[in-house]
Amino acid sequence: MSEYLPKDVREGLEAARKLKLRQKSRMRVKAGGQTFTILRSWTEGFALDSDDASRLRGLVDLFDGARHMSRALIVASVEENGETIYEYKRATAVADSAALDYSREDDAPVALIGPT
């Protein structure tokens, strides 16, 4: 059906589709001081608008709104339908606290109160 539509109508429909995805998404990728909206994401990667991001590569930070979700090493794999698909080489979840190098008992006290 889209073959029968004029070129400017097809481009307008594609722009409207991208705008809807961009407004709906809370996911962002931050790389080199710039922030880009993630149009789609899945476990092995994500997709950005080809017009926004020009072949990102390397270490990036992924955010869900203001919450830092993970740090990932990415590579651009494919460009199709106005989207650039990025795949993770490595993705590490961000933790709120430091990792423990010892086992902690479940009923251990949080702090000790000294003599007054």
PDB file of N, CA and C in Angstrom:
ATOM      1  N   MET A   1       0.816  -1.183   0.000  1.00  0.00           N
ATOM      2  CA  MET A   1       0.000   0.000   0.000  1.00  0.00           C
ATOM      3  C   MET A   1       0.860   1.248   0.000  1.00  0.00           C
ATOM      4  N   SER A   2       1.970   1.242   0.731  1.00  0.00           N
ATOM      5  CA  SER A   2       2.793   2.442   0.817  1.00  0.00           C
ATOM      6  C   SER A   2       3.471   2.774  -0.509  1.00  0.00           C
ATOM      7  N   GLU A   3       3.521   1.811  -1.445  1.00  0.00           N
ATOM      8  CA  GLU A   3       4.123   2.081  -2.752  1.00  0.00           C
ATOM      9  C   GLU A   3       3.258   3.033  -3.564  1.00  0.00           C
ATOM     10  N   TYR A   4       1.969   3.104  -3.253  1.00  0.00           N
ATOM     11  CA  TYR A   4       1.040   3.927  -4.021  1.00  0.00           C
ATOM     12  C   TYR A   4       0.920   5.349  -3.466  1.00  0.00           C
ATOM     13  N   LEU A   5       1.472   5.581  -2.294  1.00  0.00           N
ATOM     14  CA  LEU A   5       1.398   6.907  -1.692  1.00  0.00           C
ATOM     15  C   LEU A   5       2.506   7.798  -2.245  1.00  0.00           C
ATOM     16  N   PRO A   6       2.242   9.087  -2.386  1.00  0.00           N
ATOM     17  CA  PRO A   6       3.297  10.000  -2.824  1.00  0.00           C
ATOM     18  C   PRO A   6       4.445  10.023  -1.806  1.00  0.00           C
ATOM     19  N   LYS A   7       5.621  10.386  -2.281  1.00  0.00           N
ATOM     20  CA  LYS A   7       6.820  10.366  -1.453  1.00  0.00           C
ATOM     21  C   LYS A   7       6.685  11.263  -0.227  1.00  0.00           C
ATOM     22  N   ASP A   8       6.139  12.460  -0.378  1.00  0.00           N
ATOM     23  CA  ASP A   8       6.023  13.374   0.758  1.00  0.00           C
ATOM     24  C   ASP A   8       5.045  12.853   1.814  1.00  0.00           C
ATOM     25  N   VAL A   9       4.013  12.128   1.409  1.00  0.00           N
ATOM     26  CA  VAL A   9       3.071  11.539   2.363  1.00  0.00           C
ATOM     27  C   VAL A   9       3.763  10.413   3.129  1.00  0.00           C
ATOM     28  N   ARG A  10       4.533   9.558   2.437  1.00  0.00           N
ATOM     29  CA  ARG A  10       5.274   8.484   3.106  1.00  0.00           C
ATOM     30  C   ARG A  10       6.265   9.050   4.111  1.00  0.00           C
ATOM     31  N   GLU A  11       6.979  10.118   3.724  1.00  0.00           N
ATOM     32  CA  GLU A  11       7.947  10.739   4.628  1.00  0.00           C
ATOM     33  C   GLU A  11       7.245  11.347   5.845  1.00  0.00           C
ATOM     34  N   GLY A  12       6.083  11.944   5.627  1.00  0.00           N
ATOM     35  CA  GLY A  12       5.317  12.503   6.736  1.00  0.00           C
ATOM     36  C   GLY A  12       4.840  11.429   7.696  1.00  0.00           C
ATOM     37  N   LEU A  13       4.381  10.299   7.172  1.00  0.00           N
ATOM     38  CA  LEU A  13       3.954   9.185   8.019  1.00  0.00           C
ATOM     39  C   LEU A  13       5.126   8.624   8.829  1.00  0.00           C
ATOM     40  N   GLU A  14       6.286   8.509   8.197  1.00  0.00           N
ATOM     41  CA  GLU A  14       7.475   8.007   8.885  1.00  0.00           C
ATOM     42  C   GLU A  14       7.916   8.978   9.980  1.00  0.00           C
ATOM     43  N   ALA A  15       7.863  10.279   9.702  1.00  0.00           N
ATOM     44  CA  ALA A  15       8.225  11.281  10.706  1.00  0.00           C
ATOM     45  C   ALA A  15       7.251  11.238  11.886  1.00  0.00           C
ATOM     46  N   ALA A  16       5.971  11.050  11.623  1.00  0.00           N
ATOM     47  CA  ALA A  16       4.974  10.953  12.694  1.00  0.00           C
ATOM     48  C   ALA A  16       5.202   9.702  13.536  1.00  0.00           C
ATOM     49  N   ARG A  17       5.572   8.599  12.902  1.00  0.00           N
ATOM     50  CA  ARG A  17       5.847   7.354  13.624  1.00  0.00           C
ATOM     51  C   ARG A  17       7.044   7.529  14.552  1.00  0.00           C
ATOM     52  N   LYS A  18       8.109   8.165  14.057  1.00  0.00           N
ATOM     53  CA  LYS A  18       9.295   8.398  14.877  1.00  0.00           C
ATOM     54  C   LYS A  18       8.992   9.339  16.043  1.00  0.00           C
ATOM     55  N   LEU A  19       8.200  10.366  15.783  1.00  0.00           N
ATOM     56  CA  LEU A  19       7.839  11.314  16.835  1.00  0.00           C
ATOM     57  C   LEU A  19       7.055  10.622  17.941  1.00  0.00           C
ATOM     58  N   LYS A  20       6.144   9.742  17.569  1.00  0.00           N
ATOM     59  CA  LYS A  20       5.352   9.009  18.554  1.00  0.00           C
ATOM     60  C   LYS A  20       6.250   8.101  19.397  1.00  0.00           C
ATOM     61  N   LEU A  21       7.183   7.406  18.758  1.00  0.00           N
ATOM     62  CA  LEU A  21       8.110   6.552  19.500  1.00  0.00           C
ATOM     63  C   LEU A  21       8.983   7.376  20.437  1.00  0.00           C
ATOM     64  N   ARG A  22       9.448   8.525  19.969  1.00  0.00           N
ATOM     65  CA  ARG A  22      10.325   9.379  20.763  1.00  0.00           C
ATOM     66  C   ARG A  22       9.588   9.932  21.983  1.00  0.00           C
ATOM     67  N   GLN A  23       8.321  10.322  21.816  1.00  0.00           N
ATOM     68  CA  GLN A  23       7.559  10.875  22.924  1.00  0.00           C
ATOM     69  C   GLN A  23       7.190   9.802  23.944  1.00  0.00           C
ATOM     70  N   LYS A  24       6.983   8.589  23.480  1.00  0.00           N
ATOM     71  CA  LYS A  24       6.567   7.500  24.352  1.00  0.00           C
ATOM     72  C   LYS A  24       7.741   6.940  25.163  1.00  0.00           C
ATOM     73  N   SER A  25       8.946   7.040  24.645  1.00  0.00           N
ATOM     74  CA  SER A  25      10.102   6.411  25.274  1.00  0.00           C
ATOM     75  C   SER A  25      10.691   7.266  26.387  1.00  0.00           C
ATOM     76  N   ARG A  26      10.997   6.622  27.521  1.00  0.00           N
ATOM     77  CA  ARG A  26      11.705   7.284  28.611  1.00  0.00           C
ATOM     78  C   ARG A  26      13.183   6.948  28.568  1.00  0.00           C
ATOM     79  N   MET A  27      13.527   5.924  27.810  1.00  0.00           N
ATOM     80  CA  MET A  27      14.907   5.446  27.754  1.00  0.00           C
ATOM     81  C   MET A  27      15.782   6.425  26.981  1.00  0.00           C
ATOM     82  N   ARG A  28      16.971   6.673  27.522  1.00  0.00           N
ATOM     83  CA  ARG A  28      17.936   7.573  26.902  1.00  0.00           C
ATOM     84  C   ARG A  28      19.311   6.920  26.927  1.00  0.00           C
ATOM     85  N   VAL A  29      20.146   7.316  25.986  1.00  0.00           N
ATOM     86  CA  VAL A  29      21.539   6.889  25.973  1.00  0.00           C
ATOM     87  C   VAL A  29      22.385   8.157  25.991  1.00  0.00           C
ATOM     88  N   LYS A  30      23.400   8.163  26.846  1.00  0.00           N
ATOM     89  CA  LYS A  30      24.283   9.315  26.965  1.00  0.00           C
ATOM     90  C   LYS A  30      25.674   8.890  26.517  1.00  0.00           C
ATOM     91  N   ALA A  31      26.215   9.617  25.540  1.00  0.00           N
ATOM     92  CA  ALA A  31      27.536   9.301  25.012  1.00  0.00           C
ATOM     93  C   ALA A  31      28.245  10.595  24.639  1.00  0.00           C
ATOM     94  N   GLY A  32      29.444  10.767  25.155  1.00  0.00           N
ATOM     95  CA  GLY A  32      30.245  11.927  24.800  1.00  0.00           C
ATOM     96  C   GLY A  32      29.590  13.258  25.118  1.00  0.00           C
ATOM     97  N   GLY A  33      28.857  13.344  26.219  1.00  0.00           N
ATOM     98  CA  GLY A  33      28.209  14.584  26.601  1.00  0.00           C
ATOM     99  C   GLY A  33      26.902  14.857  25.876  1.00  0.00           C
ATOM    100  N   GLN A  34      26.493  14.004  24.968  1.00  0.00           N
ATOM    101  CA  GLN A  34      25.228  14.153  24.252  1.00  0.00           C
ATOM    102  C   GLN A  34      24.249  13.086  24.724  1.00  0.00           C
ATOM    103  N   THR A  35      22.962  13.423  24.671  1.00  0.00           N
ATOM    104  CA  THR A  35      21.913  12.499  25.066  1.00  0.00           C
ATOM    105  C   THR A  35      20.992  12.235  23.883  1.00  0.00           C
ATOM    106  N   PHE A  36      20.671  10.965  23.659  1.00  0.00           N
ATOM    107  CA  PHE A  36      19.814  10.557  22.552  1.00  0.00           C
ATOM    108  C   PHE A  36      18.660   9.724  23.088  1.00  0.00           C
ATOM    109  N   THR A  37      17.492   9.866  22.473  1.00  0.00           N
ATOM    110  CA  THR A  37      16.307   9.094  22.863  1.00  0.00           C
ATOM    111  C   THR A  37      16.341   7.730  22.184  1.00  0.00           C
ATOM    112  N   ILE A  38      16.132   6.688  22.973  1.00  0.00           N
ATOM    113  CA  ILE A  38      16.079   5.326  22.442  1.00  0.00           C
ATOM    114  C   ILE A  38      14.663   5.076  21.938  1.00  0.00           C
ATOM    115  N   LEU A  39      14.539   4.712  20.671  1.00  0.00           N
ATOM    116  CA  LEU A  39      13.224   4.445  20.099  1.00  0.00           C
ATOM    117  C   LEU A  39      12.697   3.071  20.522  1.00  0.00           C
ATOM    118  N   ARG A  40      13.554   2.070  20.439  1.00  0.00           N
ATOM    119  CA  ARG A  40      13.186   0.705  20.837  1.00  0.00           C
ATOM    120  C   ARG A  40      14.374   0.088  21.562  1.00  0.00           C
ATOM    121  N   SER A  41      14.102  -0.810  22.503  1.00  0.00           N
ATOM    122  CA  SER A  41      15.193  -1.508  23.186  1.00  0.00           C
ATOM    123  C   SER A  41      14.805  -2.966  23.421  1.00  0.00           C
ATOM    124  N   TRP A  42      15.792  -3.819  23.532  1.00  0.00           N
ATOM    125  CA  TRP A  42      15.621  -5.243  23.806  1.00  0.00           C
ATOM    126  C   TRP A  42      16.868  -5.709  24.539  1.00  0.00           C
ATOM    127  N   THR A  43      16.955  -6.983  24.876  1.00  0.00           N
ATOM    128  CA  THR A  43      18.045  -7.465  25.730  1.00  0.00           C
ATOM    129  C   THR A  43      19.408  -7.389  25.066  1.00  0.00           C
ATOM    130  N   GLU A  44      19.478  -7.499  23.747  1.00  0.00           N
ATOM    131  CA  GLU A  44      20.774  -7.488  23.065  1.00  0.00           C
ATOM    132  C   GLU A  44      21.159  -6.132  22.501  1.00  0.00           C
ATOM    133  N   GLY A  45      20.272  -5.126  22.585  1.00  0.00           N
ATOM    134  CA  GLY A  45      20.619  -3.823  22.026  1.00  0.00           C
ATOM    135  C   GLY A  45      19.460  -2.843  22.041  1.00  0.00           C
ATOM    136  N   PHE A  46      19.584  -1.807  21.194  1.00  0.00           N
ATOM    137  CA  PHE A  46      18.568  -0.758  21.109  1.00  0.00           C
ATOM    138  C   PHE A  46      18.653  -0.089  19.750  1.00  0.00           C
ATOM    139  N   ALA A  47      17.652   0.748  19.451  1.00  0.00           N
ATOM    140  CA  ALA A  47      17.590   1.455  18.175  1.00  0.00           C
ATOM    141  C   ALA A  47      17.441   2.953  18.427  1.00  0.00           C
ATOM    142  N   LEU A  48      18.191   3.742  17.664  1.00  0.00           N
ATOM    143  CA  LEU A  48      18.102   5.197  17.712  1.00  0.00           C
ATOM    144  C   LEU A  48      17.699   5.712  16.344  1.00  0.00           C
ATOM    145  N   ASP A  49      17.174   6.924  16.302  1.00  0.00           N
ATOM    146  CA  ASP A  49      16.842   7.574  15.044  1.00  0.00           C
ATOM    147  C   ASP A  49      18.143   7.853  14.288  1.00  0.00           C
ATOM    148  N   SER A  50      18.203   7.483  13.023  1.00  0.00           N
ATOM    149  CA  SER A  50      19.412   7.670  12.220  1.00  0.00           C
ATOM    150  C   SER A  50      19.774   9.136  12.060  1.00  0.00           C
ATOM    151  N   ASP A  51      18.774  10.021  12.074  1.00  0.00           N
ATOM    152  CA  ASP A  51      19.050  11.446  11.917  1.00  0.00           C
ATOM    153  C   ASP A  51      19.703  12.035  13.162  1.00  0.00           C
ATOM    154  N   ASP A  52      19.390  11.491  14.342  1.00  0.00           N
ATOM    155  CA  ASP A  52      19.919  12.028  15.593  1.00  0.00           C
ATOM    156  C   ASP A  52      21.350  11.582  15.858  1.00  0.00           C
ATOM    157  N   ALA A  53      21.572  10.307  15.845  1.00  0.00           N
ATOM    158  CA  ALA A  53      22.870   9.752  16.234  1.00  0.00           C
ATOM    159  C   ALA A  53      23.648   9.311  15.009  1.00  0.00           C
ATOM    160  N   SER A  54      24.867   9.768  14.935  1.00  0.00           N
ATOM    161  CA  SER A  54      25.697   9.392  13.788  1.00  0.00           C
ATOM    162  C   SER A  54      26.696   8.322  14.206  1.00  0.00           C
ATOM    163  N   ARG A  55      26.290   7.087  14.099  1.00  0.00           N
ATOM    164  CA  ARG A  55      27.145   5.930  14.321  1.00  0.00           C
ATOM    165  C   ARG A  55      27.916   6.004  15.637  1.00  0.00           C
ATOM    166  N   LEU A  56      27.190   5.944  16.736  1.00  0.00           N
ATOM    167  CA  LEU A  56      27.817   5.907  18.059  1.00  0.00           C
ATOM    168  C   LEU A  56      28.643   4.640  18.190  1.00  0.00           C
ATOM    169  N   ARG A  57      29.601   4.711  19.095  1.00  0.00           N
ATOM    170  CA  ARG A  57      30.463   3.568  19.289  1.00  0.00           C
ATOM    171  C   ARG A  57      31.192   3.720  20.608  1.00  0.00           C
ATOM    172  N   GLY A  58      31.421   2.646  21.284  1.00  0.00           N
ATOM    173  CA  GLY A  58      32.189   2.697  22.513  1.00  0.00           C
ATOM    174  C   GLY A  58      31.331   2.607  23.762  1.00  0.00           C
ATOM    175  N   LEU A  59      31.803   3.253  24.833  1.00  0.00           N
ATOM    176  CA  LEU A  59      31.169   3.167  26.136  1.00  0.00           C
ATOM    177  C   LEU A  59      30.076   4.217  26.266  1.00  0.00           C
ATOM    178  N   VAL A  60      28.856   3.782  26.620  1.00  0.00           N
ATOM    179  CA  VAL A  60      27.710   4.677  26.785  1.00  0.00           C
ATOM    180  C   VAL A  60      27.006   4.354  28.096  1.00  0.00           C
ATOM    181  N   ASP A  61      26.213   5.317  28.574  1.00  0.00           N
ATOM    182  CA  ASP A  61      25.398   5.123  29.767  1.00  0.00           C
ATOM    183  C   ASP A  61      23.936   5.107  29.361  1.00  0.00           C
ATOM    184  N   LEU A  62      23.168   4.159  29.901  1.00  0.00           N
ATOM    185  CA  LEU A  62      21.749   4.025  29.593  1.00  0.00           C
ATOM    186  C   LEU A  62      20.919   4.484  30.793  1.00  0.00           C
ATOM    187  N   PHE A  63      19.911   5.308  30.523  1.00  0.00           N
ATOM    188  CA  PHE A  63      19.064   5.871  31.566  1.00  0.00           C
ATOM    189  C   PHE A  63      17.602   5.572  31.270  1.00  0.00           C
ATOM    190  N   ASP A  64      16.832   5.326  32.340  1.00  0.00           N
ATOM    191  CA  ASP A  64      15.382   5.239  32.265  1.00  0.00           C
ATOM    192  C   ASP A  64      14.859   6.448  33.014  1.00  0.00           C
ATOM    193  N   GLY A  65      14.523   7.491  32.288  1.00  0.00           N
ATOM    194  CA  GLY A  65      14.201   8.765  32.906  1.00  0.00           C
ATOM    195  C   GLY A  65      15.473   9.346  33.495  1.00  0.00           C
ATOM    196  N   ALA A  66      15.488   9.567  34.811  1.00  0.00           N
ATOM    197  CA  ALA A  66      16.682  10.090  35.476  1.00  0.00           C
ATOM    198  C   ALA A  66      17.495   8.984  36.142  1.00  0.00           C
ATOM    199  N   ARG A  67      16.970   7.763  36.141  1.00  0.00           N
ATOM    200  CA  ARG A  67      17.643   6.648  36.818  1.00  0.00           C
ATOM    201  C   ARG A  67      18.680   6.000  35.906  1.00  0.00           C
ATOM    202  N   HIS A  68      19.910   5.932  36.390  1.00  0.00           N
ATOM    203  CA  HIS A  68      21.005   5.314  35.643  1.00  0.00           C
ATOM    204  C   HIS A  68      20.829   3.802  35.698  1.00  0.00           C
ATOM    205  N   MET A  69      20.611   3.177  34.549  1.00  0.00           N
ATOM    206  CA  MET A  69      20.321   1.748  34.500  1.00  0.00           C
ATOM    207  C   MET A  69      21.577   0.902  34.312  1.00  0.00           C
ATOM    208  N   SER A  70      22.380   1.250  33.292  1.00  0.00           N
ATOM    209  CA  SER A  70      23.557   0.434  33.011  1.00  0.00           C
ATOM    210  C   SER A  70      24.584   1.216  32.206  1.00  0.00           C
ATOM    211  N   ARG A  71      25.752   0.639  32.149  1.00  0.00           N
ATOM    212  CA  ARG A  71      26.844   1.155  31.326  1.00  0.00           C
ATOM    213  C   ARG A  71      27.165   0.045  30.332  1.00  0.00           C
ATOM    214  N   ALA A  72      27.272   0.415  29.064  1.00  0.00           N
ATOM    215  CA  ALA A  72      27.418  -0.611  28.033  1.00  0.00           C
ATOM    216  C   ALA A  72      28.468  -0.226  27.004  1.00  0.00           C
ATOM    217  N   LEU A  73      29.082  -1.234  26.438  1.00  0.00           N
ATOM    218  CA  LEU A  73      29.986  -1.083  25.321  1.00  0.00           C
ATOM    219  C   LEU A  73      29.188  -1.487  24.087  1.00  0.00           C
ATOM    220  N   ILE A  74      29.033  -0.561  23.124  1.00  0.00           N
ATOM    221  CA  ILE A  74      28.142  -0.813  21.992  1.00  0.00           C
ATOM    222  C   ILE A  74      28.884  -0.707  20.668  1.00  0.00           C
ATOM    223  N   VAL A  75      28.247  -1.251  19.644  1.00  0.00           N
ATOM    224  CA  VAL A  75      28.714  -1.131  18.269  1.00  0.00           C
ATOM    225  C   VAL A  75      27.479  -1.034  17.375  1.00  0.00           C
ATOM    226  N   ALA A  76      27.541  -0.157  16.369  1.00  0.00           N
ATOM    227  CA  ALA A  76      26.426  -0.021  15.424  1.00  0.00           C
ATOM    228  C   ALA A  76      26.459  -1.210  14.479  1.00  0.00           C
ATOM    229  N   SER A  77      25.312  -1.838  14.276  1.00  0.00           N
ATOM    230  CA  SER A  77      25.305  -3.025  13.429  1.00  0.00           C
ATOM    231  C   SER A  77      24.602  -2.795  12.093  1.00  0.00           C
ATOM    232  N   VAL A  78      23.382  -2.240  12.123  1.00  0.00           N
ATOM    233  CA  VAL A  78      22.583  -2.120  10.904  1.00  0.00           C
ATOM    234  C   VAL A  78      21.838  -0.792  10.909  1.00  0.00           C
ATOM    235  N   GLU A  79      21.617  -0.246   9.728  1.00  0.00           N
ATOM    236  CA  GLU A  79      20.761   0.922   9.585  1.00  0.00           C
ATOM    237  C   GLU A  79      19.616   0.533   8.657  1.00  0.00           C
ATOM    238  N   GLU A  80      18.385   0.625   9.187  1.00  0.00           N
ATOM    239  CA  GLU A  80      17.224   0.250   8.391  1.00  0.00           C
ATOM    240  C   GLU A  80      16.000   1.036   8.838  1.00  0.00           C
ATOM    241  N   ASN A  81      15.154   1.390   7.906  1.00  0.00           N
ATOM    242  CA  ASN A  81      13.909   2.114   8.157  1.00  0.00           C
ATOM    243  C   ASN A  81      14.113   3.388   8.973  1.00  0.00           C
ATOM    244  N   GLY A  82      15.190   4.098   8.727  1.00  0.00           N
ATOM    245  CA  GLY A  82      15.444   5.347   9.434  1.00  0.00           C
ATOM    246  C   GLY A  82      15.940   5.171  10.854  1.00  0.00           C
ATOM    247  N   GLU A  83      16.277   3.946  11.241  1.00  0.00           N
ATOM    248  CA  GLU A  83      16.793   3.660  12.571  1.00  0.00           C
ATOM    249  C   GLU A  83      18.176   3.036  12.461  1.00  0.00           C
ATOM    250  N   THR A  84      19.029   3.351  13.415  1.00  0.00           N
ATOM    251  CA  THR A  84      20.325   2.696  13.512  1.00  0.00           C
ATOM    252  C   THR A  84      20.248   1.726  14.684  1.00  0.00           C
ATOM    253  N   ILE A  85      20.542   0.466  14.410  1.00  0.00           N
ATOM    254  CA  ILE A  85      20.478  -0.590  15.408  1.00  0.00           C
ATOM    255  C   ILE A  85      21.852  -0.738  16.050  1.00  0.00           C
ATOM    256  N   TYR A  86      21.884  -0.711  17.374  1.00  0.00           N
ATOM    257  CA  TYR A  86      23.124  -0.883  18.135  1.00  0.00           C
ATOM    258  C   TYR A  86      23.042  -2.160  18.939  1.00  0.00           C
ATOM    259  N   GLU A  87      24.148  -2.882  19.002  1.00  0.00           N
ATOM    260  CA  GLU A  87      24.202  -4.120  19.773  1.00  0.00           C
ATOM    261  C   GLU A  87      25.202  -3.952  20.908  1.00  0.00           C
ATOM    262  N   TYR A  88      24.910  -4.632  22.028  1.00  0.00           N
ATOM    263  CA  TYR A  88      25.804  -4.596  23.173  1.00  0.00           C
ATOM    264  C   TYR A  88      26.937  -5.598  22.969  1.00  0.00           C
ATOM    265  N   LYS A  89      28.151  -5.153  23.190  1.00  0.00           N
ATOM    266  CA  LYS A  89      29.258  -6.091  23.322  1.00  0.00           C
ATOM    267  C   LYS A  89      29.341  -6.534  24.775  1.00  0.00           C
ATOM    268  N   ARG A  90      29.061  -5.556  25.665  1.00  0.00           N
ATOM    269  CA  ARG A  90      29.060  -5.815  27.095  1.00  0.00           C
ATOM    270  C   ARG A  90      28.132  -4.805  27.742  1.00  0.00           C
ATOM    271  N   ALA A  91      27.327  -5.244  28.686  1.00  0.00           N
ATOM    272  CA  ALA A  91      26.440  -4.342  29.424  1.00  0.00           C
ATOM    273  C   ALA A  91      26.510  -4.702  30.905  1.00  0.00           C
ATOM    274  N   THR A  92      26.750  -3.699  31.742  1.00  0.00           N
ATOM    275  CA  THR A  92      26.882  -3.908  33.175  1.00  0.00           C
ATOM    276  C   THR A  92      25.840  -3.068  33.900  1.00  0.00           C
ATOM    277  N   ALA A  93      25.035  -3.709  34.710  1.00  0.00           N
ATOM    278  CA  ALA A  93      24.020  -2.990  35.484  1.00  0.00           C
ATOM    279  C   ALA A  93      24.695  -2.124  36.534  1.00  0.00           C
ATOM    280  N   VAL A  94      24.124  -0.967  36.780  1.00  0.00           N
ATOM    281  CA  VAL A  94      24.657  -0.048  37.780  1.00  0.00           C
ATOM    282  C   VAL A  94      24.025  -0.391  39.120  1.00  0.00           C
ATOM    283  N   ALA A  95      24.846  -0.511  40.164  1.00  0.00           N
ATOM    284  CA  ALA A  95      24.357  -0.843  41.506  1.00  0.00           C
ATOM    285  C   ALA A  95      24.276   0.418  42.353  1.00  0.00           C
ATOM    286  N   ASP A  96      23.319   0.436  43.288  1.00  0.00           N
ATOM    287  CA  ASP A  96      23.165   1.576  44.183  1.00  0.00           C
ATOM    288  C   ASP A  96      24.205   1.580  45.300  1.00  0.00           C
ATOM    289  N   SER A  97      24.751   0.417  45.606  1.00  0.00           N
ATOM    290  CA  SER A  97      25.728   0.326  46.692  1.00  0.00           C
ATOM    291  C   SER A  97      26.940  -0.465  46.212  1.00  0.00           C
ATOM    292  N   ALA A  98      28.007  -0.352  46.970  1.00  0.00           N
ATOM    293  CA  ALA A  98      29.237  -1.067  46.613  1.00  0.00           C
ATOM    294  C   ALA A  98      29.063  -2.561  46.866  1.00  0.00           C
ATOM    295  N   ALA A  99      29.768  -3.353  46.101  1.00  0.00           N
ATOM    296  CA  ALA A  99      29.719  -4.794  46.269  1.00  0.00           C
ATOM    297  C   ALA A  99      30.450  -5.199  47.544  1.00  0.00           C
ATOM    298  N   LEU A 100      29.930  -6.207  48.225  1.00  0.00           N
ATOM    299  CA  LEU A 100      30.561  -6.705  49.443  1.00  0.00           C
ATOM    300  C   LEU A 100      31.541  -7.805  49.093  1.00  0.00           C
ATOM    301  N   ASP A 101      32.682  -7.813  49.768  1.00  0.00           N
ATOM    302  CA  ASP A 101      33.654  -8.873  49.532  1.00  0.00           C
ATOM    303  C   ASP A 101      33.652  -9.885  50.686  1.00  0.00           C
ATOM    304  N   TYR A 102      32.586  -9.880  51.462  1.00  0.00           N
ATOM    305  CA  TYR A 102      32.414 -10.823  52.554  1.00  0.00           C
ATOM    306  C   TYR A 102      30.928 -11.130  52.676  1.00  0.00           C
ATOM    307  N   SER A 103      30.597 -12.205  53.389  1.00  0.00           N
ATOM    308  CA  SER A 103      29.188 -12.544  53.556  1.00  0.00           C
ATOM    309  C   SER A 103      28.632 -11.806  54.768  1.00  0.00           C
ATOM    310  N   ARG A 104      27.436 -11.303  54.642  1.00  0.00           N
ATOM    311  CA  ARG A 104      26.776 -10.573  55.723  1.00  0.00           C
ATOM    312  C   ARG A 104      25.582 -11.405  56.189  1.00  0.00           C
ATOM    313  N   GLU A 105      25.482 -11.551  57.500  1.00  0.00           N
ATOM    314  CA  GLU A 105      24.362 -12.291  58.074  1.00  0.00           C
ATOM    315  C   GLU A 105      23.074 -11.500  57.856  1.00  0.00           C
ATOM    316  N   ASP A 106      21.951 -12.207  57.683  1.00  0.00           N
ATOM    317  CA  ASP A 106      20.664 -11.549  57.464  1.00  0.00           C
ATOM    318  C   ASP A 106      20.212 -10.745  58.680  1.00  0.00           C
ATOM    319  N   ASP A 107      20.520 -11.225  59.885  1.00  0.00           N
ATOM    320  CA  ASP A 107      20.084 -10.543  61.093  1.00  0.00           C
ATOM    321  C   ASP A 107      21.182  -9.704  61.747  1.00  0.00           C
ATOM    322  N   ALA A 108      22.232  -9.387  61.005  1.00  0.00           N
ATOM    323  CA  ALA A 108      23.346  -8.581  61.541  1.00  0.00           C
ATOM    324  C   ALA A 108      22.883  -7.150  61.779  1.00  0.00           C
ATOM    325  N   PRO A 109      23.408  -6.507  62.823  1.00  0.00           N
ATOM    326  CA  PRO A 109      23.037  -5.115  63.087  1.00  0.00           C
ATOM    327  C   PRO A 109      23.581  -4.180  61.998  1.00  0.00           C
ATOM    328  N   VAL A 110      22.860  -3.126  61.766  1.00  0.00           N
ATOM    329  CA  VAL A 110      23.283  -2.162  60.769  1.00  0.00           C
ATOM    330  C   VAL A 110      24.404  -1.300  61.318  1.00  0.00           C
ATOM    331  N   ALA A 111      24.315  -0.938  62.594  1.00  0.00           N
ATOM    332  CA  ALA A 111      25.330  -0.110  63.240  1.00  0.00           C
ATOM    333  C   ALA A 111      25.433  -0.497  64.707  1.00  0.00           C
ATOM    334  N   LEU A 112      26.545  -0.159  65.315  1.00  0.00           N
ATOM    335  CA  LEU A 112      26.738  -0.437  66.736  1.00  0.00           C
ATOM    336  C   LEU A 112      26.628   0.867  67.509  1.00  0.00           C
ATOM    337  N   ILE A 113      25.936   0.792  68.638  1.00  0.00           N
ATOM    338  CA  ILE A 113      25.793   1.976  69.500  1.00  0.00           C
ATOM    339  C   ILE A 113      26.835   1.853  70.613  1.00  0.00           C
ATOM    340  N   GLY A 114      27.663   2.878  70.712  1.00  0.00           N
ATOM    341  CA  GLY A 114      28.729   2.862  71.718  1.00  0.00           C
ATOM    342  C   GLY A 114      28.238   3.334  73.054  1.00  0.00           C
ATOM    343  N   PRO A 115      29.075   3.190  74.094  1.00  0.00           N
ATOM    344  CA  PRO A 115      28.696   3.644  75.429  1.00  0.00           C
ATOM    345  C   PRO A 115      28.589   5.173  75.463  1.00  0.00           C
ATOM    346  N   THR A 116      27.684   5.656  76.253  1.00  0.00           N
ATOM    347  CA  THR A 116      27.503   7.107  76.359  1.00  0.00           C
ATOM    348  C   THR A 116      28.090   7.657  77.614  1.00  0.00           C
TER     349      THR A 116
END
